[in-house]
Structure formats: structure tokens, C-alpha cells
Amino acid sequence: MSQASWGNYSPPFPQLYAETIQFDEDELYHNWHSKILYNKVILGKAIKSGTPPEPFKNCYDWECKYCRYNLVCQTLARTSTTEMSEEQIEEDKKLWN
């Protein structure tokens, strides 16, 4: 068997970084009640009504940056009465121009 069939194990080698993050009880409680349970209510209403939640309303701007559903939200925002922020409009223009 030739070396070529073994794979390419030459540099650059991948690097793995790990971090330990610690939270106290108050931080966990606040995050759970302010964001997680709120999103559960929004999702429940959307499922029950059969319509998606209002785009860009129930999230932070940074959450949309790499979201695979961002284009869906942009389309829904254009076809509904939802207003997009100026930053979102400018980013959208860059994508389409």
C-alpha cells in the first residue's frame, strides 16, 4: 500500500481550543427565565398558530449573523409589516448587490 492512500498528514495541523465557563445560580436563573422560557412561549404560539414568529423581533442581532434561516426572516420581513433595523437593511443590500 502506498503512502498516498493513507491520507495527507502534513502540516498545518488542526488546533483545538477548549474553555471552561462557570456561571453562578443567579446568572443561570436569569438566563433561563429571561430568554429560554420567553422563547418557549414564542415557539409555542408559532406552532399553535401555524405561522412563524415575527422576524428579527425575538433575538439579538448577533444571533442572525450566522443563522441558516436568516434569508427566510429577511423574506418574511419584506412581505410583512415587520420593520428591519437600518443595520439589517444595509447588510441585506450588501448581500444582494
Protein backbone atom coordinates (compact mmCIF):
# COMPACT_ATOMS: atom_id res chain seq x y z
CA MET A 1 0.00 0.00 0.00
CA SER A 2 1.44 3.36 -0.97
CA GLN A 3 1.67 6.33 1.36
CA ALA A 4 -0.67 8.32 -0.89
CA SER A 5 -3.60 6.12 0.09
CA TRP A 6 -3.07 6.76 3.82
CA GLY A 7 -4.14 10.39 3.71
CA ASN A 8 -2.35 13.68 3.97
CA TYR A 9 -0.96 14.14 7.47
CA SER A 10 1.34 17.06 6.70
CA PRO A 11 1.15 20.46 8.42
CA PRO A 12 -0.74 22.63 9.13
CA PHE A 13 -2.24 20.50 11.88
CA PRO A 14 -5.66 21.41 13.30
CA GLN A 15 -5.73 23.03 16.72
CA LEU A 16 -8.41 22.50 19.30
CA TYR A 17 -9.18 25.11 21.93
CA ALA A 18 -11.35 24.46 24.96
CA GLU A 19 -12.61 26.84 27.59
CA THR A 20 -14.34 26.28 30.92
CA ILE A 21 -17.05 28.82 31.65
CA GLN A 22 -18.65 29.00 35.04
CA PHE A 23 -21.95 30.62 35.99
CA ASP A 24 -23.46 31.23 39.38
CA GLU A 25 -27.06 30.31 40.24
CA ASP A 26 -28.35 33.87 39.70
CA GLU A 27 -26.91 34.04 36.18
CA LEU A 28 -28.41 30.68 35.24
CA TYR A 29 -31.79 31.62 36.73
CA HIS A 30 -31.83 34.99 34.96
CA ASN A 31 -30.87 33.48 31.59
CA TRP A 32 -33.43 30.71 31.95
CA HIS A 33 -36.32 32.98 32.86
CA SER A 34 -35.48 35.97 30.69
CA LYS A 35 -34.60 34.20 27.46
CA ILE A 36 -35.22 30.45 27.38
CA LEU A 37 -38.75 30.40 28.77
CA TYR A 38 -39.67 33.50 26.77
CA ASN A 39 -38.54 31.78 23.56
CA LYS A 40 -40.53 28.69 24.56
CA VAL A 41 -43.70 30.80 24.73
CA ILE A 42 -42.94 32.40 21.33
CA LEU A 43 -42.28 28.98 19.77
CA GLY A 44 -45.46 27.53 21.30
CA LYS A 45 -47.57 30.35 19.86
CA ALA A 46 -45.95 29.93 16.44
CA ILE A 47 -46.58 26.18 16.40
CA LYS A 48 -50.16 26.57 17.60
CA SER A 49 -51.00 29.27 15.06
CA GLY A 50 -49.03 27.69 12.21
CA THR A 51 -47.21 30.95 11.42
CA PRO A 52 -43.55 31.69 12.08
CA PRO A 53 -42.59 34.23 14.74
CA GLU A 54 -42.13 37.83 13.67
CA PRO A 55 -38.65 38.12 12.10
CA PHE A 56 -35.85 39.95 13.97
CA LYS A 57 -38.09 40.69 16.97
CA ASN A 58 -37.23 37.91 19.42
CA CYS A 59 -33.48 37.69 19.02
CA TYR A 60 -30.26 39.65 19.27
CA ASP A 61 -28.65 40.99 16.10
CA TRP A 62 -25.58 38.77 16.57
CA GLU A 63 -27.78 35.66 16.58
CA CYS A 64 -28.85 36.33 12.99
CA LYS A 65 -25.35 36.77 11.58
CA TYR A 66 -24.64 33.08 11.01
CA CYS A 67 -28.18 31.73 11.22
CA ARG A 68 -29.14 29.46 8.37
CA TYR A 69 -32.69 30.85 8.45
CA ASN A 70 -31.62 34.48 8.09
CA LEU A 71 -32.71 34.66 4.45
CA VAL A 72 -36.13 33.27 5.41
CA CYS A 73 -36.52 36.01 8.03
CA GLN A 74 -35.43 38.69 5.56
CA THR A 75 -38.02 37.45 3.07
CA LEU A 76 -40.75 37.38 5.70
CA ALA A 77 -39.78 40.87 6.87
CA ARG A 78 -40.15 42.23 3.34
CA THR A 79 -43.55 40.65 2.80
CA SER A 80 -45.00 41.61 6.17
CA THR A 81 -45.28 44.81 8.12
CA THR A 82 -42.15 43.98 10.13
CA GLU A 83 -39.58 46.75 10.09
CA MET A 84 -35.92 45.81 9.70
CA SER A 85 -33.25 47.83 11.50
CA GLU A 86 -31.02 50.11 9.43
CA GLU A 87 -28.10 47.77 10.09
CA GLN A 88 -30.07 44.78 8.80
CA ILE A 89 -31.14 46.73 5.70
CA GLU A 90 -27.54 47.72 4.93
CA GLU A 91 -26.32 44.16 5.43
CA ASP A 92 -29.12 42.92 3.17
CA LYS A 93 -28.11 45.39 0.46
CA LYS A 94 -24.53 44.09 0.59
CA LEU A 95 -25.77 40.53 0.12
CA TRP A 96 -27.91 41.33 -2.92
CA ASN A 97 -25.70 43.88 -4.71
